[in-house]
C-alpha atoms as a PDB file:
ATOM      1  CA  MET A   1      -4.742  23.695  24.367  1.00  0.00           C
ATOM      2  CA  ASN A   2      -4.113  23.333  28.083  1.00  0.00           C
ATOM      3  CA  SER A   3      -0.523  24.409  27.536  1.00  0.00           C
ATOM      4  CA  LEU A   4      -1.692  27.572  25.768  1.00  0.00           C
ATOM      5  CA  LYS A   5      -4.150  28.304  28.569  1.00  0.00           C
ATOM      6  CA  SER A   6      -1.340  27.976  31.111  1.00  0.00           C
ATOM      7  CA  GLN A   7       0.868  30.268  29.060  1.00  0.00           C
ATOM      8  CA  ILE A   8      -1.922  32.861  28.852  1.00  0.00           C
ATOM      9  CA  GLU A   9      -2.310  32.772  32.620  1.00  0.00           C
ATOM     10  CA  GLN A  10       1.454  33.146  33.073  1.00  0.00           C
ATOM     11  CA  ALA A  11       1.465  36.080  30.647  1.00  0.00           C
ATOM     12  CA  ARG A  12      -1.354  37.747  32.622  1.00  0.00           C
ATOM     13  CA  VAL A  13       0.472  37.320  35.909  1.00  0.00           C
ATOM     14  CA  SER A  14       3.721  38.544  34.394  1.00  0.00           C
ATOM     15  CA  HIS A  15       1.958  41.541  32.868  1.00  0.00           C
ATOM     16  CA  ALA A  16       0.251  42.341  36.155  1.00  0.00           C
ATOM     17  CA  VAL A  17       3.548  42.145  38.044  1.00  0.00           C
ATOM     18  CA  GLN A  18       5.232  44.381  35.460  1.00  0.00           C
ATOM     19  CA  GLY A  19       2.392  46.860  35.763  1.00  0.00           C
ATOM     20  CA  LEU A  20       2.830  47.012  39.529  1.00  0.00           C
ATOM     21  CA  THR A  21       6.609  47.330  39.472  1.00  0.00           C
ATOM     22  CA  ASN A  22       6.800  49.786  36.560  1.00  0.00           C
ATOM     23  CA  ASP A  23       3.721  51.692  37.599  1.00  0.00           C
ATOM     24  CA  THR A  24       2.324  51.482  34.056  1.00  0.00           C
ATOM     25  CA  ARG A  25      -1.256  50.602  33.208  1.00  0.00           C
ATOM     26  CA  GLU A  26      -1.089  48.957  29.783  1.00  0.00           C
ATOM     27  CA  SER A  27      -4.426  47.309  29.223  1.00  0.00           C
ATOM     28  CA  VAL A  28      -3.250  45.231  26.252  1.00  0.00           C
ATOM     29  CA  ASN A  29      -0.616  42.562  26.728  1.00  0.00           C
ATOM     30  CA  PRO A  30       0.790  41.629  23.296  1.00  0.00           C
ATOM     31  CA  ARG A  31       1.994  38.217  24.503  1.00  0.00           C
ATOM     32  CA  GLU A  32      -1.428  37.403  25.905  1.00  0.00           C
ATOM     33  CA  GLU A  33      -3.124  38.455  22.673  1.00  0.00           C
ATOM     34  CA  GLU A  34      -0.743  36.303  20.634  1.00  0.00           C
ATOM     35  CA  LEU A  35      -1.443  33.308  22.866  1.00  0.00           C
ATOM     36  CA  LYS A  36      -5.186  33.894  22.650  1.00  0.00           C
ATOM     37  CA  SER A  37      -5.062  33.900  18.859  1.00  0.00           C
ATOM     38  CA  GLN A  38      -3.043  30.664  18.917  1.00  0.00           C
ATOM     39  CA  LEU A  39      -5.644  29.180  21.259  1.00  0.00           C
ATOM     40  CA  GLU A  40      -8.454  30.154  18.893  1.00  0.00           C
ATOM     41  CA  LEU A  41      -6.595  28.523  15.990  1.00  0.00           C
ATOM     42  CA  GLU A  42      -6.145  25.345  18.026  1.00  0.00           C
ATOM     43  CA  LYS A  43      -9.843  25.319  18.931  1.00  0.00           C
ATOM     44  CA  ALA A  44     -10.817  25.641  15.269  1.00  0.00           C
ATOM     45  CA  ARG A  45      -8.388  22.868  14.323  1.00  0.00           C
ATOM     46  CA  PHE A  46      -9.784  20.669  17.101  1.00  0.00           C
ATOM     47  CA  LYS A  47     -13.367  21.224  15.929  1.00  0.00           C
ATOM     48  CA  THR A  48     -12.385  20.320  12.364  1.00  0.00           C
ATOM     49  CA  LEU A  49     -10.699  17.117  13.502  1.00  0.00           C
ATOM     50  CA  VAL A  50     -13.675  16.135  15.652  1.00  0.00           C
ATOM     51  CA  SER A  51     -15.993  16.734  12.712  1.00  0.00           C
ATOM     52  CA  ASN A  52     -13.806  14.540  10.487  1.00  0.00           C
ATOM     53  CA  LEU A  53     -13.810  11.792  13.099  1.00  0.00           C
ATOM     54  CA  ARG A  54     -17.600  11.941  13.374  1.00  0.00           C
ATOM     55  CA  SER A  55     -17.874  11.507   9.596  1.00  0.00           C
ATOM     56  CA  LEU A  56     -15.531   8.554   9.688  1.00  0.00           C
ATOM     57  CA  LYS A  57     -17.466   7.020  12.560  1.00  0.00           C
ATOM     58  CA  THR A  58     -20.696   7.224  10.558  1.00  0.00           C
ATOM     59  CA  GLU A  59     -19.028   5.663   7.530  1.00  0.00           C
ATOM     60  CA  ILE A  60     -17.473   2.875   9.613  1.00  0.00           C
ATOM     61  CA  GLU A  61     -20.796   2.074  11.277  1.00  0.00           C
ATOM     62  CA  HIS A  62     -22.466   1.900   7.858  1.00  0.00           C
ATOM     63  CA  LEU A  63     -19.780  -0.461   6.548  1.00  0.00           C
ATOM     64  CA  GLN A  64     -20.094  -2.632   9.667  1.00  0.00           C
ATOM     65  CA  HIS A  65     -23.838  -2.838   9.072  1.00  0.00           C
ATOM     66  CA  LEU A  66     -23.303  -3.870   5.434  1.00  0.00           C
ATOM     67  CA  LEU A  67     -20.743  -6.464   6.511  1.00  0.00           C
ATOM     68  CA  GLU A  68     -23.125  -7.941   9.068  1.00  0.00           C
ATOM     69  CA  LYS A  69     -25.934  -8.005   6.497  1.00  0.00           C
ATOM     70  CA  ALA A  70     -23.668  -9.815   3.987  1.00  0.00           C
ATOM     71  CA  LYS A  71     -22.614 -12.284   6.683  1.00  0.00           C
ATOM     72  CA  VAL A  72     -26.243 -13.152   7.485  1.00  0.00           C
ATOM     73  CA  GLN A  73     -27.066 -13.537   3.786  1.00  0.00           C
ATOM     74  CA  MET A  74     -24.045 -15.781   3.234  1.00  0.00           C
ATOM     75  CA  GLN A  75     -25.094 -17.983   6.164  1.00  0.00           C
ATOM     76  CA  LYS A  76     -28.630 -18.293   4.750  1.00  0.00           C
ATOM     77  CA  ASP A  77     -27.291 -19.104   1.283  1.00  0.00           C
ATOM     78  CA  PHE A  78     -24.999 -21.769   2.718  1.00  0.00           C
ATOM     79  CA  GLU A  79     -27.805 -23.357   4.724  1.00  0.00           C
ATOM     80  CA  ILE A  80     -29.997 -23.512   1.596  1.00  0.00           C
ATOM     81  CA  TRP A  81     -27.126 -25.019  -0.417  1.00  0.00           C
ATOM     82  CA  TRP A  82     -26.403 -27.541   2.346  1.00  0.00           C
ATOM     83  CA  ALA A  83     -30.047 -28.613   2.502  1.00  0.00           C
ATOM     84  CA  GLU A  84     -30.082 -29.056  -1.280  1.00  0.00           C
ATOM     85  CA  GLN A  85     -26.962 -31.225  -1.098  1.00  0.00           C
ATOM     86  CA  GLY A  86     -28.674 -33.537   1.370  1.00  0.00           C
ATOM     87  CA  SER A  87     -31.689 -33.991  -0.877  1.00  0.00           C
ATOM     88  CA  LEU A  88     -29.669 -34.906  -3.979  1.00  0.00           C
ATOM     89  CA  PRO A  89     -29.394 -38.568  -4.913  1.00  0.00           C
ATOM     90  CA  PRO A  90     -25.961 -40.057  -4.283  1.00  0.00           C
ATOM     91  CA  PRO A  91     -23.588 -39.909  -7.249  1.00  0.00           C
ATOM     92  CA  PRO A  92     -23.493 -43.049  -9.381  1.00  0.00           C
ATOM     93  CA  SER A  93     -20.687 -45.437  -8.623  1.00  0.00           C
ATOM     94  CA  LEU A  94     -17.781 -45.373 -10.944  1.00  0.00           C
ATOM     95  CA  PRO A  95     -16.933 -48.498 -12.939  1.00  0.00           C
ATOM     96  CA  SER A  96     -14.238 -50.620 -11.341  1.00  0.00           C
ATOM     97  CA  HIS A  97     -11.702 -49.960 -14.123  1.00  0.00           C
ATOM     98  CA  VAL A  98     -11.986 -46.158 -13.450  1.00  0.00           C
ATOM     99  CA  GLN A  99     -11.594 -46.429  -9.659  1.00  0.00           C
ATOM    100  CA  GLN A 100      -8.071 -46.465  -8.292  1.00  0.00           C
END
């Protein structure tokens, strides 16, 4: 967009210089109008892309929240399982002919 703005300014200066040297007073510079329309298209495209990025950001933040929630739940589940393992009686010893 900055490039287009620079080109518009150059077109204005060029048009003004031509008007002074040719002694014509054209109020409409076709090159400037073309550049302005390109600039408007770029602005619209930029706004669309920013909107898309905002949507993605919201979705990513939601997924990060779900991931964190699942992580906390998994940690709680593990701690409960671990506590249950400690309260279980030890497994019975295997007969000597089964052990190797």
